[in-house]
Amino acid sequence: MTHAQALAAAKANQIRAHRELASTIEALQVRLTPDYIVSHALRGVKGKSAEIADGAIQAVKERPAAVSGAAAAAALFLARGPIMAAFNKFRNRSSEDEQDADTASAEPIAPAPGAESKEQHDDDRNRKPARGAGRKPRGARAGKREDERERGVRISAGEDQRSLPGGAPAGA
């Protein structure tokens, strides 16, 4: 092969490689478009969801009672708010009907001396406790003073002095 023939072969090789590279770049550009990525992802999701659905159908066929029980439990859990509201509404309505029947057929009964009425009991239960109720009121330094007394520190006229056992000042 002569030098000119080798040069022509190399040039043809370069053109072929350039075309292959261009077609590869073109294919990559198509694959990296958002539409292609989304469609490819959807195909994968559809395939997985079909597999999961097939598995779920198989589980239902194998154990229908367990699956229906689980579905009922999930439905009750999700609807627990409306169910409780309906139950409370029914319970309150039936107790009001009983009260109406009791009050219509009998004379009002006076409460026993010292007994609370239902309204008083409800008022007491719904009333907020006073601020600080149930706690011993303490000033900002009250807790510190109690701690200092336990350690043997005496406070007089704003000064802190340590005392020895028996009440004698530590510096004397």
C-alpha atoms as a PDB file:
ATOM      1  CA  MET A   1       0.000   0.000   0.000  1.00  0.00           C
ATOM      2  CA  THR A   2       1.340   3.325  -0.943  1.00  0.00           C
ATOM      3  CA  HIS A   3       1.399   6.411   1.117  1.00  0.00           C
ATOM      4  CA  ALA A   4      -1.501   7.975  -0.790  1.00  0.00           C
ATOM      5  CA  GLN A   5      -3.613   4.842  -0.381  1.00  0.00           C
ATOM      6  CA  ALA A   6      -2.913   4.724   3.390  1.00  0.00           C
ATOM      7  CA  LEU A   7      -3.842   8.379   3.664  1.00  0.00           C
ATOM      8  CA  ALA A   8      -7.139   7.791   1.796  1.00  0.00           C
ATOM      9  CA  ALA A   9      -7.956   4.783   4.030  1.00  0.00           C
ATOM     10  CA  ALA A  10      -7.266   6.825   7.173  1.00  0.00           C
ATOM     11  CA  LYS A  11      -9.468   9.647   5.865  1.00  0.00           C
ATOM     12  CA  ALA A  12     -12.328   7.181   5.173  1.00  0.00           C
ATOM     13  CA  ASN A  13     -11.869   5.717   8.672  1.00  0.00           C
ATOM     14  CA  GLN A  14     -12.070   9.192  10.184  1.00  0.00           C
ATOM     15  CA  ILE A  15     -15.287  10.004   8.306  1.00  0.00           C
ATOM     16  CA  ARG A  16     -16.892   6.699   9.390  1.00  0.00           C
ATOM     17  CA  ALA A  17     -15.905   7.257  13.043  1.00  0.00           C
ATOM     18  CA  HIS A  18     -17.202  10.829  12.885  1.00  0.00           C
ATOM     19  CA  ARG A  19     -20.585   9.600  11.563  1.00  0.00           C
ATOM     20  CA  GLU A  20     -20.805   6.946  14.297  1.00  0.00           C
ATOM     21  CA  LEU A  21     -20.003   9.540  16.963  1.00  0.00           C
ATOM     22  CA  ALA A  22     -22.607  11.936  15.557  1.00  0.00           C
ATOM     23  CA  SER A  23     -25.287   9.212  15.541  1.00  0.00           C
ATOM     24  CA  THR A  24     -24.377   8.241  19.130  1.00  0.00           C
ATOM     25  CA  ILE A  25     -24.603  11.875  20.248  1.00  0.00           C
ATOM     26  CA  GLU A  26     -27.958  12.167  18.478  1.00  0.00           C
ATOM     27  CA  ALA A  27     -29.267   9.045  20.237  1.00  0.00           C
ATOM     28  CA  LEU A  28     -28.071  10.366  23.614  1.00  0.00           C
ATOM     29  CA  GLN A  29     -29.773  13.696  23.006  1.00  0.00           C
ATOM     30  CA  VAL A  30     -33.051  11.879  22.313  1.00  0.00           C
ATOM     31  CA  ARG A  31     -32.671   9.719  25.428  1.00  0.00           C
ATOM     32  CA  LEU A  32     -31.937  12.709  27.654  1.00  0.00           C
ATOM     33  CA  THR A  33     -35.043  14.687  26.697  1.00  0.00           C
ATOM     34  CA  PRO A  34     -37.566  15.046  29.541  1.00  0.00           C
ATOM     35  CA  ASP A  35     -40.316  13.384  27.488  1.00  0.00           C
ATOM     36  CA  TYR A  36     -38.220  10.274  26.912  1.00  0.00           C
ATOM     37  CA  ILE A  37     -37.153  10.066  30.570  1.00  0.00           C
ATOM     38  CA  VAL A  38     -40.764  10.374  31.782  1.00  0.00           C
ATOM     39  CA  SER A  39     -42.114   7.828  29.330  1.00  0.00           C
ATOM     40  CA  HIS A  40     -39.333   5.384  30.208  1.00  0.00           C
ATOM     41  CA  ALA A  41     -39.997   5.832  33.940  1.00  0.00           C
ATOM     42  CA  LEU A  42     -43.735   5.334  33.420  1.00  0.00           C
ATOM     43  CA  ARG A  43     -43.112   2.119  31.542  1.00  0.00           C
ATOM     44  CA  GLY A  44     -41.033   0.864  34.454  1.00  0.00           C
ATOM     45  CA  VAL A  45     -43.672   1.890  36.996  1.00  0.00           C
ATOM     46  CA  LYS A  46     -46.426   0.263  34.963  1.00  0.00           C
ATOM     47  CA  GLY A  47     -44.443  -2.962  34.826  1.00  0.00           C
ATOM     48  CA  LYS A  48     -43.781  -2.952  38.595  1.00  0.00           C
ATOM     49  CA  SER A  49     -47.365  -2.022  39.439  1.00  0.00           C
ATOM     50  CA  ALA A  50     -48.623  -4.851  37.236  1.00  0.00           C
ATOM     51  CA  GLU A  51     -46.377  -7.262  39.156  1.00  0.00           C
ATOM     52  CA  ILE A  52     -47.604  -5.906  42.495  1.00  0.00           C
ATOM     53  CA  ALA A  53     -51.244  -6.128  41.369  1.00  0.00           C
ATOM     54  CA  ASP A  54     -50.741  -9.713  40.272  1.00  0.00           C
ATOM     55  CA  GLY A  55     -49.223 -10.522  43.668  1.00  0.00           C
ATOM     56  CA  ALA A  56     -52.125  -8.841  45.469  1.00  0.00           C
ATOM     57  CA  ILE A  57     -54.678 -10.739  43.404  1.00  0.00           C
ATOM     58  CA  GLN A  58     -52.883 -13.977  44.183  1.00  0.00           C
ATOM     59  CA  ALA A  59     -52.879 -13.159  47.931  1.00  0.00           C
ATOM     60  CA  VAL A  60     -56.614 -12.403  47.848  1.00  0.00           C
ATOM     61  CA  LYS A  61     -57.283 -15.704  46.096  1.00  0.00           C
ATOM     62  CA  GLU A  62     -55.222 -17.618  48.655  1.00  0.00           C
ATOM     63  CA  ARG A  63     -56.591 -15.918  51.819  1.00  0.00           C
ATOM     64  CA  PRO A  64     -59.808 -13.984  51.151  1.00  0.00           C
ATOM     65  CA  ALA A  65     -60.898 -13.826  54.812  1.00  0.00           C
ATOM     66  CA  ALA A  66     -57.623 -12.339  56.031  1.00  0.00           C
ATOM     67  CA  VAL A  67     -57.536  -9.767  53.246  1.00  0.00           C
ATOM     68  CA  SER A  68     -61.144  -8.708  53.774  1.00  0.00           C
ATOM     69  CA  GLY A  69     -60.528  -8.424  57.525  1.00  0.00           C
ATOM     70  CA  ALA A  70     -57.488  -6.234  56.930  1.00  0.00           C
ATOM     71  CA  ALA A  71     -59.445  -4.077  54.475  1.00  0.00           C
ATOM     72  CA  ALA A  72     -62.289  -3.689  56.978  1.00  0.00           C
ATOM     73  CA  ALA A  73     -59.848  -2.739  59.741  1.00  0.00           C
ATOM     74  CA  ALA A  74     -58.214  -0.140  57.496  1.00  0.00           C
ATOM     75  CA  ALA A  75     -61.621   1.285  56.530  1.00  0.00           C
ATOM     76  CA  LEU A  76     -62.678   1.522  60.187  1.00  0.00           C
ATOM     77  CA  PHE A  77     -59.398   3.205  61.090  1.00  0.00           C
ATOM     78  CA  LEU A  78     -59.767   5.781  58.340  1.00  0.00           C
ATOM     79  CA  ALA A  79     -63.419   6.453  59.214  1.00  0.00           C
ATOM     80  CA  ARG A  80     -62.968   6.489  62.994  1.00  0.00           C
ATOM     81  CA  GLY A  81     -63.810  10.211  63.348  1.00  0.00           C
ATOM     82  CA  PRO A  82     -67.208  10.105  61.613  1.00  0.00           C
ATOM     83  CA  ILE A  83     -68.050   6.796  63.293  1.00  0.00           C
ATOM     84  CA  MET A  84     -67.338   8.195  66.777  1.00  0.00           C
ATOM     85  CA  ALA A  85     -69.318  11.355  65.980  1.00  0.00           C
ATOM     86  CA  ALA A  86     -72.329   9.279  64.918  1.00  0.00           C
ATOM     87  CA  PHE A  87     -72.007   7.055  67.990  1.00  0.00           C
ATOM     88  CA  ASN A  88     -71.809  10.054  70.346  1.00  0.00           C
ATOM     89  CA  LYS A  89     -74.749  11.700  68.605  1.00  0.00           C
ATOM     90  CA  PHE A  90     -76.805   8.508  68.997  1.00  0.00           C
ATOM     91  CA  ARG A  91     -75.765   8.112  72.638  1.00  0.00           C
ATOM     92  CA  ASN A  92     -76.584  11.732  73.493  1.00  0.00           C
ATOM     93  CA  ARG A  93     -79.933  11.510  71.706  1.00  0.00           C
ATOM     94  CA  SER A  94     -80.891   8.302  73.540  1.00  0.00           C
ATOM     95  CA  SER A  95     -79.882   9.752  76.925  1.00  0.00           C
ATOM     96  CA  GLU A  96     -81.905  12.919  76.187  1.00  0.00           C
ATOM     97  CA  ASP A  97     -84.911  10.749  75.280  1.00  0.00           C
ATOM     98  CA  GLU A  98     -84.561   8.863  78.570  1.00  0.00           C
ATOM     99  CA  GLN A  99     -84.324  12.133  80.492  1.00  0.00           C
ATOM    100  CA  ASP A 100     -87.386  13.502  78.704  1.00  0.00           C
ATOM    101  CA  ALA A 101     -89.321  10.326  79.539  1.00  0.00           C
ATOM    102  CA  ASP A 102     -88.218  10.484  83.179  1.00  0.00           C
ATOM    103  CA  THR A 103     -89.122  14.155  83.614  1.00  0.00           C
ATOM    104  CA  ALA A 104     -92.471  13.798  81.846  1.00  0.00           C
ATOM    105  CA  SER A 105     -93.673  10.895  84.002  1.00  0.00           C
ATOM    106  CA  ALA A 106     -92.411  11.919  87.431  1.00  0.00           C
ATOM    107  CA  GLU A 107     -92.217  15.006  89.582  1.00  0.00           C
ATOM    108  CA  PRO A 108     -88.855  16.722  89.824  1.00  0.00           C
ATOM    109  CA  ILE A 109     -86.787  15.282  92.613  1.00  0.00           C
ATOM    110  CA  ALA A 110     -84.961  17.714  94.849  1.00  0.00           C
ATOM    111  CA  PRO A 111     -81.258  16.936  95.190  1.00  0.00           C
ATOM    112  CA  ALA A 112     -80.013  15.599  98.473  1.00  0.00           C
ATOM    113  CA  PRO A 113     -78.488  18.210 100.776  1.00  0.00           C
ATOM    114  CA  GLY A 114     -74.861  18.803  99.785  1.00  0.00           C
ATOM    115  CA  ALA A 115     -75.219  16.984  96.449  1.00  0.00           C
ATOM    116  CA  GLU A 116     -74.157  18.686  93.250  1.00  0.00           C
ATOM    117  CA  SER A 117     -76.536  19.029  90.361  1.00  0.00           C
ATOM    118  CA  LYS A 118     -75.450  17.870  86.896  1.00  0.00           C
ATOM    119  CA  GLU A 119     -75.066  21.489  85.774  1.00  0.00           C
ATOM    120  CA  GLN A 120     -72.833  22.342  88.744  1.00  0.00           C
ATOM    121  CA  HIS A 121     -70.725  19.250  88.110  1.00  0.00           C
ATOM    122  CA  ASP A 122     -70.353  20.131  84.406  1.00  0.00           C
ATOM    123  CA  ASP A 123     -69.458  23.725  85.292  1.00  0.00           C
ATOM    124  CA  ASP A 124     -66.814  22.580  87.760  1.00  0.00           C
ATOM    125  CA  ARG A 125     -65.360  20.130  85.264  1.00  0.00           C
ATOM    126  CA  ASN A 126     -65.231  22.664  82.409  1.00  0.00           C
ATOM    127  CA  ARG A 127     -63.795  25.497  84.506  1.00  0.00           C
ATOM    128  CA  LYS A 128     -60.115  26.100  84.021  1.00  0.00           C
ATOM    129  CA  PRO A 129     -58.032  25.952  87.177  1.00  0.00           C
ATOM    130  CA  ALA A 130     -56.721  29.244  88.460  1.00  0.00           C
ATOM    131  CA  ARG A 131     -53.208  30.140  87.392  1.00  0.00           C
ATOM    132  CA  GLY A 132     -50.755  28.498  89.715  1.00  0.00           C
ATOM    133  CA  ALA A 133     -53.437  26.383  91.393  1.00  0.00           C
ATOM    134  CA  GLY A 134     -51.977  23.403  93.172  1.00  0.00           C
ATOM    135  CA  ARG A 135     -48.528  24.970  93.394  1.00  0.00           C
ATOM    136  CA  LYS A 136     -46.910  26.712  96.301  1.00  0.00           C
ATOM    137  CA  PRO A 137     -46.392  30.371  95.358  1.00  0.00           C
ATOM    138  CA  ARG A 138     -42.721  31.219  95.394  1.00  0.00           C
ATOM    139  CA  GLY A 139     -40.772  34.345  94.669  1.00  0.00           C
ATOM    140  CA  ALA A 140     -37.787  34.490  92.390  1.00  0.00           C
ATOM    141  CA  ARG A 141     -35.351  33.859  95.242  1.00  0.00           C
ATOM    142  CA  ALA A 142     -37.549  31.650  97.428  1.00  0.00           C
ATOM    143  CA  GLY A 143     -36.193  28.414  95.998  1.00  0.00           C
ATOM    144  CA  LYS A 144     -32.607  29.650  96.247  1.00  0.00           C
ATOM    145  CA  ARG A 145     -33.108  30.691  99.865  1.00  0.00           C
ATOM    146  CA  GLU A 146     -34.474  27.275 100.792  1.00  0.00           C
ATOM    147  CA  ASP A 147     -31.452  25.648  99.175  1.00  0.00           C
ATOM    148  CA  GLU A 148     -29.080  27.996 101.023  1.00  0.00           C
ATOM    149  CA  ARG A 149     -30.730  27.237 104.371  1.00  0.00           C
ATOM    150  CA  GLU A 150     -30.221  23.527 103.768  1.00  0.00           C
ATOM    151  CA  ARG A 151     -26.509  24.087 103.036  1.00  0.00           C
ATOM    152  CA  GLY A 152     -25.998  26.324 106.075  1.00  0.00           C
ATOM    153  CA  VAL A 153     -25.785  29.683 104.320  1.00  0.00           C
ATOM    154  CA  ARG A 154     -27.340  32.637 106.156  1.00  0.00           C
ATOM    155  CA  ILE A 155     -28.703  35.666 104.305  1.00  0.00           C
ATOM    156  CA  SER A 156     -28.848  38.976 106.167  1.00  0.00           C
ATOM    157  CA  ALA A 157     -29.416  42.439 104.698  1.00  0.00           C
ATOM    158  CA  GLY A 158     -28.752  41.216 101.144  1.00  0.00           C
ATOM    159  CA  GLU A 159     -25.343  39.690 101.951  1.00  0.00           C
ATOM    160  CA  ASP A 160     -24.547  36.028 101.795  1.00  0.00           C
ATOM    161  CA  GLN A 161     -22.598  34.751 104.807  1.00  0.00           C
ATOM    162  CA  ARG A 162     -21.645  31.221 105.532  1.00  0.00           C
ATOM    163  CA  SER A 163     -22.334  29.970 109.020  1.00  0.00           C
ATOM    164  CA  LEU A 164     -20.684  27.213 110.921  1.00  0.00           C
ATOM    165  CA  PRO A 165     -22.652  24.555 112.706  1.00  0.00           C
ATOM    166  CA  GLY A 166     -24.060  26.139 115.838  1.00  0.00           C
ATOM    167  CA  GLY A 167     -24.847  29.460 114.104  1.00  0.00           C
ATOM    168  CA  ALA A 168     -21.440  31.208 114.408  1.00  0.00           C
ATOM    169  CA  PRO A 169     -20.342  33.164 111.284  1.00  0.00           C
ATOM    170  CA  ALA A 170     -17.615  31.476 109.272  1.00  0.00           C
ATOM    171  CA  GLY A 171     -15.380  34.581 109.053  1.00  0.00           C
ATOM    172  CA  ALA A 172     -15.327  35.266 112.833  1.00  0.00           C
END
